[in-house]
C-alpha atoms as a PDB file:
ATOM      1  CA  MET A   1      37.514  -9.395  -2.848  1.00  0.00           C
ATOM      2  CA  ALA A   2      35.267  -7.074  -0.840  1.00  0.00           C
ATOM      3  CA  GLY A   3      36.312  -3.446  -0.455  1.00  0.00           C
ATOM      4  CA  ASP A   4      35.393  -0.678   1.954  1.00  0.00           C
ATOM      5  CA  HIS A   5      31.871  -0.224   0.579  1.00  0.00           C
ATOM      6  CA  PRO A   6      28.862  -2.465   1.251  1.00  0.00           C
ATOM      7  CA  GLY A   7      28.264  -4.778  -1.687  1.00  0.00           C
ATOM      8  CA  GLU A   8      31.654  -4.102  -3.245  1.00  0.00           C
ATOM      9  CA  GLY A   9      32.984  -7.324  -4.744  1.00  0.00           C
ATOM     10  CA  THR A  10      29.552  -8.961  -4.630  1.00  0.00           C
ATOM     11  CA  PRO A  11      28.428 -10.382  -7.980  1.00  0.00           C
ATOM     12  CA  PRO A  12      25.751  -8.161  -9.618  1.00  0.00           C
ATOM     13  CA  GLU A  13      23.148 -10.942  -9.672  1.00  0.00           C
ATOM     14  CA  GLU A  14      23.477 -11.343  -5.893  1.00  0.00           C
ATOM     15  CA  LEU A  15      23.102  -7.589  -5.378  1.00  0.00           C
ATOM     16  CA  ALA A  16      20.024  -7.521  -7.630  1.00  0.00           C
ATOM     17  CA  ALA A  17      18.452 -10.409  -5.714  1.00  0.00           C
ATOM     18  CA  SER A  18      19.171  -8.627  -2.437  1.00  0.00           C
ATOM     19  CA  VAL A  19      17.602  -5.373  -3.659  1.00  0.00           C
ATOM     20  CA  ALA A  20      14.572  -7.253  -5.007  1.00  0.00           C
ATOM     21  CA  ALA A  21      14.113  -8.980  -1.635  1.00  0.00           C
ATOM     22  CA  VAL A  22      14.198  -5.638   0.170  1.00  0.00           C
ATOM     23  CA  ASP A  23      11.722  -4.142  -2.311  1.00  0.00           C
ATOM     24  CA  GLU A  24       9.414  -7.138  -1.860  1.00  0.00           C
ATOM     25  CA  LEU A  25       9.578  -6.804   1.928  1.00  0.00           C
ATOM     26  CA  ASP A  26       8.865  -3.073   1.655  1.00  0.00           C
ATOM     27  CA  LEU A  27       5.916  -3.818  -0.623  1.00  0.00           C
ATOM     28  CA  LEU A  28       4.572  -6.407   1.817  1.00  0.00           C
ATOM     29  CA  ASP A  29       4.972  -3.844   4.609  1.00  0.00           C
ATOM     30  CA  TRP A  30       3.051  -1.251   2.549  1.00  0.00           C
ATOM     31  CA  LYS A  31       0.233  -3.756   1.988  1.00  0.00           C
ATOM     32  CA  ARG A  32       0.190  -4.645   5.701  1.00  0.00           C
ATOM     33  CA  HIS A  33      -0.043  -0.965   6.687  1.00  0.00           C
ATOM     34  CA  VAL A  34      -2.901  -0.348   4.245  1.00  0.00           C
ATOM     35  CA  SER A  35      -4.776  -3.457   5.385  1.00  0.00           C
ATOM     36  CA  GLU A  36      -4.381  -2.488   9.043  1.00  0.00           C
ATOM     37  CA  LEU A  37      -5.470   1.059   8.262  1.00  0.00           C
ATOM     38  CA  TYR A  38      -8.716  -0.127   6.688  1.00  0.00           C
ATOM     39  CA  ALA A  39      -9.345  -2.432   9.683  1.00  0.00           C
ATOM     40  CA  ARG A  40      -8.842   0.517  12.048  1.00  0.00           C
ATOM     41  CA  VAL A  41     -11.157   2.683   9.956  1.00  0.00           C
ATOM     42  CA  ARG A  42     -13.885   0.002  10.043  1.00  0.00           C
ATOM     43  CA  ARG A  43     -13.592  -0.240  13.845  1.00  0.00           C
ATOM     44  CA  GLU A  44     -13.959   3.532  14.340  1.00  0.00           C
ATOM     45  CA  PRO A  45     -17.585   4.204  15.405  1.00  0.00           C
ATOM     46  CA  GLU A  46     -17.582   7.877  14.392  1.00  0.00           C
ATOM     47  CA  PRO A  47     -17.655   8.368  10.593  1.00  0.00           C
ATOM     48  CA  VAL A  48     -15.837  11.722  10.627  1.00  0.00           C
ATOM     49  CA  ALA A  49     -13.111  10.354  12.909  1.00  0.00           C
ATOM     50  CA  ALA A  50     -12.768   7.292  10.634  1.00  0.00           C
ATOM     51  CA  TRP A  51     -12.386   9.541   7.593  1.00  0.00           C
ATOM     52  CA  GLU A  52      -9.796  11.715   9.393  1.00  0.00           C
ATOM     53  CA  LEU A  53      -7.819   8.614  10.382  1.00  0.00           C
ATOM     54  CA  TRP A  54      -7.917   7.299   6.811  1.00  0.00           C
ATOM     55  CA  ARG A  55      -6.855  10.644   5.321  1.00  0.00           C
ATOM     56  CA  ARG A  56      -4.095  11.324   7.874  1.00  0.00           C
ATOM     57  CA  GLU A  57      -2.558   7.833   7.733  1.00  0.00           C
ATOM     58  CA  ARG A  58      -2.615   7.685   3.936  1.00  0.00           C
ATOM     59  CA  GLU A  59      -0.847  11.037   3.841  1.00  0.00           C
ATOM     60  CA  ARG A  60       1.782   9.702   6.250  1.00  0.00           C
ATOM     61  CA  LEU A  61       2.317   6.543   4.185  1.00  0.00           C
ATOM     62  CA  PHE A  62       2.679   8.539   0.975  1.00  0.00           C
ATOM     63  CA  ARG A  63       5.163  10.878   2.666  1.00  0.00           C
ATOM     64  CA  GLU A  64       7.246   8.343   4.636  1.00  0.00           C
ATOM     65  CA  HIS A  65       7.008   4.772   3.352  1.00  0.00           C
ATOM     66  CA  PRO A  66       9.753   3.359   1.068  1.00  0.00           C
ATOM     67  CA  GLN A  67       7.077   2.020  -1.324  1.00  0.00           C
ATOM     68  CA  SER A  68       5.356   5.386  -1.647  1.00  0.00           C
ATOM     69  CA  PRO A  69       4.551   6.297  -5.251  1.00  0.00           C
ATOM     70  CA  VAL A  70       5.795   9.825  -4.450  1.00  0.00           C
ATOM     71  CA  PRO A  71       9.406  10.322  -5.597  1.00  0.00           C
ATOM     72  CA  ALA A  72      11.761  10.165  -2.593  1.00  0.00           C
ATOM     73  CA  ASP A  73      13.083  13.701  -3.121  1.00  0.00           C
ATOM     74  CA  GLU A  74       9.527  15.141  -3.002  1.00  0.00           C
ATOM     75  CA  ARG A  75       8.229  13.298   0.065  1.00  0.00           C
ATOM     76  CA  ALA A  76       9.321  15.758   2.757  1.00  0.00           C
ATOM     77  CA  SER A  77       7.169  18.536   1.292  1.00  0.00           C
ATOM     78  CA  TYR A  78       4.354  16.296  -0.004  1.00  0.00           C
ATOM     79  CA  THR A  79       0.892  17.437   1.136  1.00  0.00           C
ATOM     80  CA  GLY A  80      -1.317  14.873  -0.599  1.00  0.00           C
ATOM     81  CA  PRO A  81      -2.941  12.696  -1.590  1.00  0.00           C
ATOM     82  CA  HIS A  82      -5.665  15.277  -1.919  1.00  0.00           C
ATOM     83  CA  VAL A  83      -9.169  14.167  -1.016  1.00  0.00           C
ATOM     84  CA  PHE A  84     -12.492  15.916  -0.796  1.00  0.00           C
ATOM     85  CA  ASP A  85     -13.748  17.023   2.603  1.00  0.00           C
ATOM     86  CA  TYR A  86     -15.929  14.548   4.446  1.00  0.00           C
ATOM     87  CA  ASP A  87     -19.540  14.699   3.249  1.00  0.00           C
ATOM     88  CA  PRO A  88     -22.093  12.549   5.102  1.00  0.00           C
ATOM     89  CA  ALA A  89     -24.303  12.523   2.007  1.00  0.00           C
ATOM     90  CA  TRP A  90     -21.780  10.178   0.366  1.00  0.00           C
ATOM     91  CA  ARG A  91     -21.661   7.752   3.300  1.00  0.00           C
ATOM     92  CA  LEU A  92     -22.836   4.247   2.430  1.00  0.00           C
ATOM     93  CA  SER A  93     -23.880   1.467   4.722  1.00  0.00           C
ATOM     94  CA  ALA A  94     -24.337  -2.090   3.523  1.00  0.00           C
ATOM     95  CA  ALA A  95     -24.963  -5.517   4.960  1.00  0.00           C
ATOM     96  CA  VAL A  96     -22.507  -8.168   3.835  1.00  0.00           C
ATOM     97  CA  GLU A  97     -23.972 -11.639   3.586  1.00  0.00           C
ATOM     98  CA  PRO A  98     -22.163 -14.918   2.922  1.00  0.00           C
ATOM     99  CA  MET A  99     -22.709 -16.582  -0.437  1.00  0.00           C
ATOM    100  CA  ASP A 100     -22.067 -19.992  -1.895  1.00  0.00           C
ATOM    101  CA  GLU A 101     -18.655 -20.231  -3.486  1.00  0.00           C
ATOM    102  CA  LYS A 102     -18.678 -19.944  -7.261  1.00  0.00           C
ATOM    103  CA  SER A 103     -15.758 -20.337  -9.647  1.00  0.00           C
ATOM    104  CA  PHE A 104     -15.378 -19.770 -13.355  1.00  0.00           C
ATOM    105  CA  ASP A 105     -12.638 -19.524 -15.966  1.00  0.00           C
ATOM    106  CA  LEU A 106     -11.666 -16.245 -17.561  1.00  0.00           C
ATOM    107  CA  PRO A 107     -10.012 -16.272 -20.969  1.00  0.00           C
ATOM    108  CA  SER A 108      -6.639 -14.583 -21.204  1.00  0.00           C
ATOM    109  CA  SER A 109      -5.158 -12.617 -24.064  1.00  0.00           C
ATOM    110  CA  ASP A 110      -2.798 -15.500 -24.880  1.00  0.00           C
ATOM    111  CA  GLY A 111      -5.639 -18.016 -25.143  1.00  0.00           C
ATOM    112  CA  GLY A 112      -4.626 -19.850 -21.956  1.00  0.00           C
ATOM    113  CA  ARG A 113      -6.488 -20.140 -18.703  1.00  0.00           C
END
């Protein structure tokens, strides 16, 4: 019978499945934020502004997101991840061209494919 606390009386396997679902949703949200961040960075016409956006938003994700690799009790004072200052000498530009699809099998450590 359920008590005064959330989850009280719920079988452990149901609680574990619930926690796993929340973790998976948080992880999907983290991935969505990162993907959207890179899309925003690519759309920014000014390289320095794009770098600032990337640095600032990554810092925010590391400090605030539930899936941050930074321990929860350290997030409020977290000042990273630390990156080098923007240097235009390291800026790369490349043309991306479509290719024919190619597939191949990679061996695995257990001998399967």
